């Protein structure tokens, strides 16, 4: 599916399209891009760098 806009988090908008916005907005989120903190935390848990 196509995600409209350039935000890091995806949601279903009022027109039933998947759109994106900053993750700090109050929405019913579908998914989000991993940020630098999330990637670093995952690497530490998995023993990577």
N, C-alpha and C. Protein backbone atom coordinates (compact mmCIF):
# COMPACT_ATOMS: atom_id res chain seq x y z
N UNK A 1 0.84 -1.18 0.00
CA UNK A 1 0.00 0.00 0.00
C UNK A 1 0.87 1.23 0.00
N UNK A 2 0.33 2.30 -0.49
CA UNK A 2 1.06 3.56 -0.59
C UNK A 2 0.79 4.38 0.67
N UNK A 3 1.86 4.93 1.25
CA UNK A 3 1.73 5.82 2.40
C UNK A 3 1.92 7.25 1.91
N UNK A 4 0.94 8.08 2.16
CA UNK A 4 1.02 9.48 1.74
C UNK A 4 1.68 10.32 2.82
N UNK A 5 2.37 11.35 2.42
CA UNK A 5 3.08 12.30 3.30
C UNK A 5 4.44 11.72 3.69
N UNK A 6 5.18 12.46 4.55
CA UNK A 6 6.56 12.09 4.86
C UNK A 6 6.83 11.89 6.34
N UNK A 7 5.83 11.65 7.15
CA UNK A 7 6.03 11.45 8.58
C UNK A 7 6.62 10.09 8.89
N UNK A 8 6.98 9.89 10.14
CA UNK A 8 7.57 8.62 10.56
C UNK A 8 6.56 7.60 11.05
N UNK A 9 5.30 8.00 11.25
CA UNK A 9 4.28 7.08 11.74
C UNK A 9 3.09 7.10 10.78
N UNK A 10 2.51 5.92 10.52
CA UNK A 10 1.40 5.79 9.58
C UNK A 10 0.08 5.60 10.32
N UNK A 11 -0.99 6.14 9.72
CA UNK A 11 -2.34 6.01 10.28
C UNK A 11 -3.35 6.02 9.14
N UNK A 12 -4.57 5.56 9.43
CA UNK A 12 -5.66 5.59 8.46
C UNK A 12 -6.38 6.92 8.62
N UNK A 13 -6.40 7.74 7.56
CA UNK A 13 -7.01 9.07 7.66
C UNK A 13 -8.52 9.01 7.42
N UNK A 14 -9.17 10.16 7.46
CA UNK A 14 -10.63 10.24 7.32
C UNK A 14 -11.14 9.80 5.95
N UNK A 15 -10.27 9.78 4.97
CA UNK A 15 -10.65 9.37 3.62
C UNK A 15 -10.31 7.91 3.36
N UNK A 16 -9.96 7.17 4.42
CA UNK A 16 -9.58 5.75 4.34
C UNK A 16 -8.33 5.50 3.51
N UNK A 17 -7.42 6.47 3.52
CA UNK A 17 -6.10 6.33 2.92
C UNK A 17 -5.09 6.19 4.05
N UNK A 18 -4.00 5.50 3.78
CA UNK A 18 -2.92 5.46 4.76
C UNK A 18 -2.10 6.72 4.58
N UNK A 19 -1.92 7.47 5.64
CA UNK A 19 -1.17 8.71 5.61
C UNK A 19 -0.12 8.65 6.70
N UNK A 20 0.71 9.67 6.81
CA UNK A 20 1.73 9.67 7.85
C UNK A 20 1.86 11.06 8.45
N UNK A 21 2.43 11.08 9.64
CA UNK A 21 2.57 12.33 10.38
C UNK A 21 3.67 12.14 11.41
N UNK A 22 3.97 13.21 12.13
CA UNK A 22 4.89 13.08 13.26
C UNK A 22 4.27 12.15 14.29
N UNK A 23 5.07 11.36 14.94
CA UNK A 23 4.57 10.37 15.90
C UNK A 23 3.99 11.00 17.16
N UNK A 24 4.19 12.29 17.36
CA UNK A 24 3.70 12.95 18.57
C UNK A 24 2.23 13.37 18.45
N UNK A 25 1.66 13.29 17.24
CA UNK A 25 0.25 13.62 17.06
C UNK A 25 -0.62 12.53 17.67
N UNK A 26 -1.82 12.89 18.12
CA UNK A 26 -2.74 11.89 18.66
C UNK A 26 -3.53 11.28 17.52
N UNK A 27 -3.22 10.05 17.19
CA UNK A 27 -3.88 9.33 16.10
C UNK A 27 -3.93 7.85 16.47
N UNK A 28 -4.67 7.08 15.70
CA UNK A 28 -4.65 5.62 15.83
C UNK A 28 -3.61 5.11 14.85
N UNK A 29 -2.41 4.87 15.36
CA UNK A 29 -1.27 4.53 14.52
C UNK A 29 -1.34 3.10 14.02
N UNK A 30 -0.91 2.91 12.78
CA UNK A 30 -0.81 1.58 12.17
C UNK A 30 0.59 1.03 12.40
N UNK A 31 1.61 1.86 12.15
CA UNK A 31 3.00 1.44 12.31
C UNK A 31 3.89 2.68 12.35
N UNK A 32 5.16 2.46 12.67
CA UNK A 32 6.11 3.57 12.70
C UNK A 32 7.47 3.09 12.22
N UNK A 33 8.27 4.01 11.72
CA UNK A 33 9.65 3.71 11.34
C UNK A 33 10.47 3.64 12.62
N UNK A 34 11.42 2.70 12.70
CA UNK A 34 12.31 2.69 13.88
C UNK A 34 13.14 3.97 13.91
N UNK A 35 13.24 4.59 15.06
CA UNK A 35 14.08 5.78 15.19
C UNK A 35 15.47 5.37 15.68
N UNK A 36 16.36 6.31 15.80
CA UNK A 36 17.74 6.02 16.21
C UNK A 36 17.78 5.37 17.59
N UNK A 37 16.94 5.81 18.53
CA UNK A 37 16.90 5.23 19.87
C UNK A 37 16.47 3.77 19.81
N UNK A 38 15.41 3.49 19.05
CA UNK A 38 14.91 2.12 18.93
C UNK A 38 15.96 1.21 18.30
N UNK A 39 16.62 1.69 17.25
CA UNK A 39 17.64 0.88 16.58
C UNK A 39 18.80 0.59 17.53
N UNK A 40 19.25 1.58 18.30
CA UNK A 40 20.36 1.38 19.23
C UNK A 40 19.97 0.41 20.34
N UNK A 41 18.76 0.52 20.84
CA UNK A 41 18.28 -0.37 21.90
C UNK A 41 18.22 -1.81 21.39
N UNK A 42 17.71 -2.01 20.19
CA UNK A 42 17.63 -3.35 19.60
C UNK A 42 19.02 -3.93 19.42
N UNK A 43 19.97 -3.13 18.94
CA UNK A 43 21.34 -3.60 18.74
C UNK A 43 21.97 -4.01 20.06
N UNK A 44 21.70 -3.26 21.13
CA UNK A 44 22.26 -3.58 22.44
C UNK A 44 21.69 -4.89 22.96
N UNK A 45 20.40 -5.11 22.77
CA UNK A 45 19.75 -6.33 23.24
C UNK A 45 20.27 -7.54 22.47
N UNK A 46 20.49 -7.36 21.17
CA UNK A 46 20.96 -8.46 20.32
C UNK A 46 22.47 -8.63 20.37
N UNK A 47 23.16 -7.76 21.08
CA UNK A 47 24.60 -7.88 21.21
C UNK A 47 25.38 -7.24 20.08
N UNK A 48 24.72 -6.46 19.24
CA UNK A 48 25.40 -5.78 18.14
C UNK A 48 25.91 -4.42 18.58
N UNK A 49 26.41 -3.67 17.62
CA UNK A 49 26.88 -2.31 17.93
C UNK A 49 26.14 -1.28 17.16
